[in-house]
N, C-alpha and C. Protein backbone atom coordinates (compact mmCIF):
# COMPACT_ATOMS: atom_id res chain seq x y z
N MET A 1 -1.67 -9.71 7.62
CA MET A 1 -1.47 -9.07 6.34
C MET A 1 -0.16 -8.30 6.41
N SER A 2 0.56 -8.31 5.32
CA SER A 2 1.79 -7.54 5.21
C SER A 2 1.63 -6.55 4.07
N SER A 3 2.40 -5.48 4.14
CA SER A 3 2.35 -4.49 3.06
C SER A 3 3.72 -3.85 2.91
N ALA A 4 3.91 -3.22 1.77
CA ALA A 4 5.17 -2.53 1.50
C ALA A 4 4.89 -1.36 0.58
N GLN A 5 5.67 -0.33 0.71
CA GLN A 5 5.58 0.82 -0.19
C GLN A 5 6.99 1.20 -0.57
N THR A 6 7.18 1.50 -1.84
CA THR A 6 8.50 1.90 -2.31
C THR A 6 8.36 2.92 -3.41
N ASN A 7 9.38 3.68 -3.66
CA ASN A 7 9.41 4.62 -4.78
C ASN A 7 10.24 3.99 -5.88
N SER A 8 9.76 4.08 -7.10
CA SER A 8 10.50 3.57 -8.25
C SER A 8 10.51 4.65 -9.32
N SER A 9 11.16 4.37 -10.43
CA SER A 9 11.19 5.33 -11.52
C SER A 9 9.79 5.50 -12.14
N PHE A 10 8.89 4.58 -11.85
CA PHE A 10 7.53 4.65 -12.37
C PHE A 10 6.58 5.36 -11.40
N GLY A 11 7.03 5.62 -10.18
CA GLY A 11 6.17 6.24 -9.17
C GLY A 11 6.17 5.41 -7.91
N ASN A 12 5.15 5.60 -7.10
CA ASN A 12 5.03 4.84 -5.86
C ASN A 12 4.40 3.48 -6.12
N VAL A 13 4.85 2.48 -5.41
CA VAL A 13 4.31 1.13 -5.52
C VAL A 13 3.85 0.72 -4.13
N VAL A 14 2.59 0.30 -4.03
CA VAL A 14 2.03 -0.18 -2.78
C VAL A 14 1.62 -1.63 -3.00
N VAL A 15 2.04 -2.51 -2.10
CA VAL A 15 1.76 -3.94 -2.23
C VAL A 15 1.21 -4.43 -0.90
N ALA A 16 0.20 -5.30 -0.95
CA ALA A 16 -0.32 -5.93 0.26
C ALA A 16 -0.47 -7.42 -0.03
N TRP A 17 -0.08 -8.24 0.91
CA TRP A 17 -0.19 -9.69 0.71
C TRP A 17 -0.44 -10.38 2.04
N SER A 18 -0.94 -11.61 1.94
CA SER A 18 -1.20 -12.42 3.12
C SER A 18 -1.31 -13.87 2.70
N ALA A 19 -0.95 -14.75 3.58
CA ALA A 19 -1.10 -16.19 3.32
C ALA A 19 -2.53 -16.64 3.57
N HIS A 20 -3.35 -15.77 4.13
CA HIS A 20 -4.72 -16.13 4.50
C HIS A 20 -5.70 -15.22 3.77
N GLY A 21 -6.88 -15.75 3.49
CA GLY A 21 -7.92 -14.94 2.85
C GLY A 21 -8.68 -14.11 3.87
N SER A 22 -9.50 -13.22 3.36
CA SER A 22 -10.42 -12.41 4.17
C SER A 22 -9.75 -11.58 5.24
N VAL A 23 -8.63 -10.95 4.93
CA VAL A 23 -7.98 -10.10 5.92
C VAL A 23 -8.06 -8.62 5.56
N GLY A 24 -8.76 -8.26 4.46
CA GLY A 24 -8.98 -6.87 4.13
C GLY A 24 -8.06 -6.25 3.09
N ARG A 25 -7.28 -7.06 2.39
CA ARG A 25 -6.35 -6.51 1.38
C ARG A 25 -7.10 -5.75 0.30
N THR A 26 -8.15 -6.34 -0.23
CA THR A 26 -8.90 -5.71 -1.32
C THR A 26 -9.49 -4.38 -0.87
N SER A 27 -10.14 -4.38 0.27
CA SER A 27 -10.76 -3.14 0.77
C SER A 27 -9.71 -2.06 1.02
N LEU A 28 -8.60 -2.44 1.62
CA LEU A 28 -7.53 -1.49 1.91
C LEU A 28 -6.97 -0.88 0.63
N LEU A 29 -6.60 -1.73 -0.32
CA LEU A 29 -5.99 -1.23 -1.55
C LEU A 29 -6.99 -0.48 -2.42
N ALA A 30 -8.25 -0.90 -2.44
CA ALA A 30 -9.27 -0.17 -3.19
C ALA A 30 -9.44 1.23 -2.61
N SER A 31 -9.45 1.34 -1.29
CA SER A 31 -9.58 2.65 -0.65
C SER A 31 -8.39 3.56 -0.95
N VAL A 32 -7.19 2.99 -0.86
CA VAL A 32 -5.98 3.77 -1.17
C VAL A 32 -6.01 4.23 -2.63
N ALA A 33 -6.38 3.33 -3.54
CA ALA A 33 -6.43 3.67 -4.97
C ALA A 33 -7.44 4.79 -5.22
N CYS A 34 -8.61 4.70 -4.59
CA CYS A 34 -9.64 5.74 -4.78
C CYS A 34 -9.18 7.09 -4.24
N GLU A 35 -8.53 7.10 -3.10
CA GLU A 35 -8.04 8.35 -2.53
C GLU A 35 -6.96 8.98 -3.42
N LEU A 36 -6.06 8.15 -3.93
CA LEU A 36 -5.02 8.68 -4.83
C LEU A 36 -5.64 9.23 -6.11
N ALA A 37 -6.64 8.53 -6.65
CA ALA A 37 -7.31 8.99 -7.87
C ALA A 37 -8.04 10.31 -7.61
N LYS A 38 -8.66 10.45 -6.45
CA LYS A 38 -9.34 11.71 -6.10
C LYS A 38 -8.37 12.87 -6.04
N GLN A 39 -7.10 12.58 -5.73
CA GLN A 39 -6.06 13.61 -5.68
C GLN A 39 -5.49 13.90 -7.06
N GLY A 40 -6.03 13.24 -8.09
CA GLY A 40 -5.58 13.46 -9.46
C GLY A 40 -4.39 12.62 -9.87
N LYS A 41 -4.04 11.64 -9.08
CA LYS A 41 -2.90 10.78 -9.40
C LYS A 41 -3.36 9.62 -10.26
N SER A 42 -2.48 9.16 -11.13
CA SER A 42 -2.77 7.98 -11.94
C SER A 42 -2.57 6.74 -11.07
N VAL A 43 -3.48 5.78 -11.21
CA VAL A 43 -3.44 4.58 -10.39
C VAL A 43 -3.58 3.36 -11.29
N LEU A 44 -2.75 2.37 -11.08
CA LEU A 44 -2.85 1.08 -11.77
C LEU A 44 -2.98 0.02 -10.70
N ILE A 45 -4.06 -0.75 -10.75
CA ILE A 45 -4.27 -1.84 -9.80
C ILE A 45 -4.04 -3.15 -10.52
N ILE A 46 -3.19 -3.99 -9.95
CA ILE A 46 -2.95 -5.32 -10.48
C ILE A 46 -3.35 -6.31 -9.39
N ASP A 47 -4.42 -7.05 -9.62
CA ASP A 47 -4.87 -8.07 -8.68
C ASP A 47 -4.21 -9.37 -9.09
N ALA A 48 -3.13 -9.72 -8.40
CA ALA A 48 -2.35 -10.90 -8.76
C ALA A 48 -2.77 -12.14 -7.98
N ASP A 49 -3.94 -12.11 -7.35
CA ASP A 49 -4.46 -13.27 -6.65
C ASP A 49 -5.03 -14.23 -7.69
N THR A 50 -4.32 -15.29 -7.99
CA THR A 50 -4.74 -16.20 -9.04
C THR A 50 -5.82 -17.17 -8.59
N HIS A 51 -6.06 -17.26 -7.29
CA HIS A 51 -7.07 -18.20 -6.78
C HIS A 51 -8.43 -17.53 -6.60
N ALA A 52 -8.45 -16.32 -6.12
CA ALA A 52 -9.71 -15.63 -5.88
C ALA A 52 -9.56 -14.12 -6.06
N PRO A 53 -9.29 -13.67 -7.29
CA PRO A 53 -9.17 -12.23 -7.51
C PRO A 53 -10.49 -11.53 -7.22
N SER A 54 -10.42 -10.35 -6.61
CA SER A 54 -11.68 -9.70 -6.23
C SER A 54 -11.73 -8.21 -6.57
N MET A 55 -10.68 -7.64 -7.09
CA MET A 55 -10.71 -6.21 -7.44
C MET A 55 -11.75 -5.93 -8.52
N VAL A 56 -11.90 -6.82 -9.47
CA VAL A 56 -12.87 -6.63 -10.55
C VAL A 56 -14.27 -6.50 -9.97
N GLN A 57 -14.60 -7.38 -9.04
CA GLN A 57 -15.91 -7.35 -8.41
C GLN A 57 -16.05 -6.09 -7.54
N THR A 58 -15.00 -5.72 -6.85
CA THR A 58 -15.04 -4.54 -5.98
C THR A 58 -15.39 -3.29 -6.76
N PHE A 59 -14.83 -3.15 -7.96
CA PHE A 59 -15.08 -1.96 -8.76
C PHE A 59 -16.23 -2.13 -9.76
N GLY A 60 -16.87 -3.31 -9.76
CA GLY A 60 -18.05 -3.54 -10.58
C GLY A 60 -17.79 -3.72 -12.06
N TYR A 61 -16.63 -4.25 -12.42
CA TYR A 61 -16.32 -4.49 -13.83
C TYR A 61 -16.78 -5.86 -14.27
N ASP A 62 -16.92 -6.03 -15.57
CA ASP A 62 -17.28 -7.32 -16.16
C ASP A 62 -16.18 -8.32 -15.87
N GLN A 63 -16.52 -9.49 -15.41
CA GLN A 63 -15.53 -10.51 -15.06
C GLN A 63 -15.22 -11.46 -16.21
N ASN A 64 -15.77 -11.21 -17.40
CA ASN A 64 -15.57 -12.11 -18.53
C ASN A 64 -14.39 -11.69 -19.38
N PHE A 65 -13.19 -11.71 -18.81
CA PHE A 65 -11.99 -11.41 -19.56
C PHE A 65 -10.87 -12.31 -19.05
N ALA A 66 -9.81 -12.39 -19.80
CA ALA A 66 -8.77 -13.36 -19.51
C ALA A 66 -7.96 -13.03 -18.25
N GLY A 67 -7.34 -11.88 -18.19
CA GLY A 67 -6.63 -11.48 -17.00
C GLY A 67 -5.18 -11.89 -16.91
N LEU A 68 -4.62 -11.66 -15.73
CA LEU A 68 -3.20 -11.86 -15.47
C LEU A 68 -2.76 -13.31 -15.64
N SER A 69 -3.55 -14.25 -15.14
CA SER A 69 -3.18 -15.67 -15.25
C SER A 69 -3.04 -16.11 -16.70
N ALA A 70 -3.98 -15.68 -17.54
CA ALA A 70 -3.91 -16.04 -18.96
C ALA A 70 -2.69 -15.43 -19.62
N ALA A 71 -2.37 -14.19 -19.26
CA ALA A 71 -1.18 -13.54 -19.82
C ALA A 71 0.09 -14.27 -19.40
N MET A 72 0.16 -14.70 -18.15
CA MET A 72 1.34 -15.41 -17.67
C MET A 72 1.47 -16.78 -18.33
N ARG A 73 0.34 -17.49 -18.56
CA ARG A 73 0.39 -18.77 -19.27
C ARG A 73 0.89 -18.57 -20.70
N ALA A 74 0.37 -17.54 -21.38
CA ALA A 74 0.80 -17.27 -22.76
C ALA A 74 2.28 -16.92 -22.80
N LEU A 75 2.77 -16.16 -21.83
CA LEU A 75 4.18 -15.81 -21.76
C LEU A 75 5.03 -17.07 -21.56
N ASP A 76 4.60 -17.93 -20.66
CA ASP A 76 5.33 -19.16 -20.37
C ASP A 76 5.39 -20.08 -21.59
N GLN A 77 4.35 -20.06 -22.39
CA GLN A 77 4.28 -20.90 -23.59
C GLN A 77 4.85 -20.21 -24.83
N GLY A 78 5.43 -19.03 -24.66
CA GLY A 78 6.02 -18.31 -25.78
C GLY A 78 4.99 -17.74 -26.74
N ARG A 79 3.77 -17.51 -26.26
CA ARG A 79 2.69 -17.03 -27.13
C ARG A 79 2.25 -15.61 -26.83
N LEU A 80 2.98 -14.88 -26.01
CA LEU A 80 2.54 -13.54 -25.63
C LEU A 80 3.12 -12.51 -26.59
N ALA A 81 2.63 -12.52 -27.81
CA ALA A 81 2.99 -11.52 -28.81
C ALA A 81 2.05 -10.34 -28.65
N ASP A 82 2.28 -9.26 -29.35
CA ASP A 82 1.42 -8.08 -29.28
C ASP A 82 -0.02 -8.43 -29.58
N GLU A 83 -0.24 -9.29 -30.55
CA GLU A 83 -1.61 -9.67 -30.94
C GLU A 83 -2.30 -10.42 -29.80
N THR A 84 -1.61 -11.36 -29.17
CA THR A 84 -2.18 -12.11 -28.06
C THR A 84 -2.47 -11.19 -26.89
N PHE A 85 -1.55 -10.29 -26.59
CA PHE A 85 -1.74 -9.36 -25.49
C PHE A 85 -2.96 -8.48 -25.73
N GLY A 86 -3.13 -8.02 -26.96
CA GLY A 86 -4.29 -7.20 -27.31
C GLY A 86 -5.60 -7.92 -27.09
N ARG A 87 -5.65 -9.23 -27.35
CA ARG A 87 -6.87 -10.00 -27.14
C ARG A 87 -7.17 -10.17 -25.66
N LEU A 88 -6.14 -10.17 -24.83
CA LEU A 88 -6.35 -10.34 -23.39
C LEU A 88 -6.94 -9.10 -22.75
N LEU A 89 -6.73 -7.93 -23.36
CA LEU A 89 -7.24 -6.69 -22.78
C LEU A 89 -8.68 -6.54 -23.01
């Protein structure tokens, strides 16, 4: 597993990636996100794993929504207008 952290104008960015599954990325990033939230920091998690996203399951959210892949397809097809984006949320 590889990871990176950087500071941007939006705040800190933490990224973890691996060419292999089951190496602990979800658990690691979920733990970091929870600790930051406990400290009162705003946290945005983007699960960009298009083959087996698992953050939704980790936090117990409903999995019946479109997600990042659908947004990227709509963008590629020139259909990602405000109305389309609103339906994806």
